[in-house]
C-alpha atoms as a PDB file:
ATOM      1  CA  MET A   1       0.096   0.065   0.046  1.00  0.00           C
ATOM      2  CA  MET A   2       2.781   2.456   0.880  1.00  0.00           C
ATOM      3  CA  ILE A   3       4.524   1.732  -2.599  1.00  0.00           C
ATOM      4  CA  THR A   4       1.273   2.577  -4.345  1.00  0.00           C
ATOM      5  CA  ARG A   5       1.057   5.901  -2.718  1.00  0.00           C
ATOM      6  CA  HIS A   6       4.655   6.624  -3.337  1.00  0.00           C
ATOM      7  CA  LEU A   7       4.170   5.784  -7.058  1.00  0.00           C
ATOM      8  CA  LEU A   8       0.998   7.910  -7.329  1.00  0.00           C
ATOM      9  CA  ARG A   9       2.778  10.942  -5.854  1.00  0.00           C
ATOM     10  CA  ASP A  10       5.855  10.617  -7.959  1.00  0.00           C
ATOM     11  CA  GLU A  11       6.061  13.172 -10.650  1.00  0.00           C
ATOM     12  CA  THR A  12       9.501  12.790 -12.039  1.00  0.00           C
ATOM     13  CA  GLY A  13       8.270  11.441 -15.468  1.00  0.00           C
ATOM     14  CA  THR A  14       5.374  13.873 -15.692  1.00  0.00           C
ATOM     15  CA  SER A  15       6.984  16.467 -17.941  1.00  0.00           C
ATOM     16  CA  ALA A  16       8.204  13.868 -20.463  1.00  0.00           C
ATOM     17  CA  ILE A  17       4.849  12.342 -20.783  1.00  0.00           C
ATOM     18  CA  GLU A  18       3.240  15.810 -21.307  1.00  0.00           C
ATOM     19  CA  TYR A  19       5.796  16.555 -24.127  1.00  0.00           C
ATOM     20  CA  ALA A  20       5.029  13.201 -25.750  1.00  0.00           C
ATOM     21  CA  VAL A  21       1.263  14.072 -25.620  1.00  0.00           C
ATOM     22  CA  ILE A  22       1.931  17.516 -27.138  1.00  0.00           C
ATOM     23  CA  MET A  23       4.000  16.069 -29.960  1.00  0.00           C
ATOM     24  CA  ALA A  24       1.368  13.491 -30.684  1.00  0.00           C
ATOM     25  CA  LEU A  25      -1.304  16.124 -30.978  1.00  0.00           C
ATOM     26  CA  ILE A  26       0.870  18.318 -33.313  1.00  0.00           C
ATOM     27  CA  GLY A  27       1.487  15.048 -35.409  1.00  0.00           C
ATOM     28  CA  VAL A  28      -2.196  14.259 -35.635  1.00  0.00           C
ATOM     29  CA  GLY A  29      -2.955  18.034 -36.759  1.00  0.00           C
ATOM     30  CA  LEU A  30      -0.094  17.896 -39.350  1.00  0.00           C
ATOM     31  CA  VAL A  31      -1.420  14.663 -40.731  1.00  0.00           C
ATOM     32  CA  GLY A  32      -4.855  16.150 -41.054  1.00  0.00           C
ATOM     33  CA  ALA A  33      -3.700  19.348 -42.574  1.00  0.00           C
ATOM     34  CA  LEU A  34      -1.356  17.747 -45.033  1.00  0.00           C
ATOM     35  CA  ASN A  35      -4.132  15.317 -46.047  1.00  0.00           C
ATOM     36  CA  ALA A  36      -6.530  18.205 -46.945  1.00  0.00           C
ATOM     37  CA  LEU A  37      -3.715  20.032 -48.627  1.00  0.00           C
ATOM     38  CA  GLY A  38      -2.930  16.930 -50.756  1.00  0.00           C
ATOM     39  CA  THR A  39      -6.635  16.444 -51.721  1.00  0.00           C
ATOM     40  CA  GLU A  40      -6.982  20.133 -52.777  1.00  0.00           C
ATOM     41  CA  THR A  41      -3.727  19.929 -54.851  1.00  0.00           C
ATOM     42  CA  ALA A  42      -4.931  16.754 -56.595  1.00  0.00           C
ATOM     43  CA  ASN A  43      -8.260  18.244 -57.350  1.00  0.00           C
ATOM     44  CA  SER A  44      -6.488  21.455 -58.861  1.00  0.00           C
ATOM     45  CA  TYR A  45      -4.296  19.269 -61.068  1.00  0.00           C
ATOM     46  CA  SER A  46      -7.343  17.255 -62.166  1.00  0.00           C
ATOM     47  CA  ASN A  47      -9.230  20.321 -63.068  1.00  0.00           C
ATOM     48  CA  ALA A  48      -6.345  21.697 -65.016  1.00  0.00           C
ATOM     49  CA  ALA A  49      -6.022  18.406 -66.954  1.00  0.00           C
ATOM     50  CA  VAL A  50      -9.787  18.417 -67.764  1.00  0.00           C
ATOM     51  CA  ALA A  51      -9.673  22.079 -68.877  1.00  0.00           C
ATOM     52  CA  LEU A  52      -6.679  21.130 -71.273  1.00  0.00           C
ATOM     53  CA  GLU A  53      -8.172  17.980 -72.715  1.00  0.00           C
ATOM     54  CA  PRO A  54     -10.191  19.808 -75.533  1.00  0.00           C
ATOM     55  CA  ALA A  55      -7.387  21.889 -76.732  1.00  0.00           C
ATOM     56  CA  ALA A  56      -5.237  18.560 -77.039  1.00  0.00           C
ATOM     57  CA  ASP A  57      -7.824  17.082 -79.206  1.00  0.00           C
ATOM     58  CA  GLU A  58      -7.874  20.045 -81.551  1.00  0.00           C
ATOM     59  CA  PRO A  59      -5.360  20.199 -84.382  1.00  0.00           C
ATOM     60  CA  ALA A  60      -2.870  23.003 -84.225  1.00  0.00           C
ATOM     61  CA  PRO A  61      -3.684  25.874 -86.626  1.00  0.00           C
ATOM     62  CA  ALA A  62      -1.504  26.070 -89.752  1.00  0.00           C
ATOM     63  CA  PRO A  63       1.246  28.662 -89.463  1.00  0.00           C
ATOM     64  CA  THR A  64       0.540  31.544 -91.792  1.00  0.00           C
ATOM     65  CA  ALA A  65       3.276  32.468 -94.181  1.00  0.00           C
ATOM     66  CA  THR A  66       4.545  36.063 -93.874  1.00  0.00           C
ATOM     67  CA  PRO A  67       5.789  37.848 -96.941  1.00  0.00           C
ATOM     68  CA  PRO A  68       9.570  38.433 -96.909  1.00  0.00           C
ATOM     69  CA  ARG A  69      10.750  41.747 -95.764  1.00  0.00           C
ATOM     70  CA  VAL A  70      12.053  44.133 -98.437  1.00  0.00           C
ATOM     71  CA  PRO A  71      14.376  46.795 -97.203  1.00  0.00           C
ATOM     72  CA  THR A  72      13.234  50.264 -98.473  1.00  0.00           C
ATOM     73  CA  ARG A  73      14.924  53.551 -98.293  1.00  0.00           C
ATOM     74  CA  PRO A  74      13.219  56.912 -97.862  1.00  0.00           C
ATOM     75  CA  GLY A  75      11.940  58.101-101.173  1.00  0.00           C
ATOM     76  CA  GLY A  76      11.098  54.600-102.409  1.00  0.00           C
ATOM     77  CA  GLY A  77      14.698  53.813-103.943  1.00  0.00           C
ATOM     78  CA  ASN A  78      15.973  50.319-103.054  1.00  0.00           C
ATOM     79  CA  ARG A  79      19.293  50.807-104.783  1.00  0.00           C
ATOM     80  CA  VAL A  80      22.437  50.871-102.769  1.00  0.00           C
ATOM     81  CA  PRO A  81      24.492  53.969-103.705  1.00  0.00           C
ATOM     82  CA  ARG A  82      27.946  53.165-105.306  1.00  0.00           C
END
């Protein structure tokens, strides 16, 4: 009986247990937050992929040919002076 009373009043390991409980609660909170963040990130990537699917099915537009650039001088003369 005396040993039981002594063990119940002993507080030497109390702070270590308190720190362990706090760390466990922080861990549970982090797991929940990261799980929600991962779900939101996956949804964002899925929405982006769905939005890009119609663009992937359409053929690319044909490039338009631009006329070659002809150098001009003021006054309309294209001749190089000699």
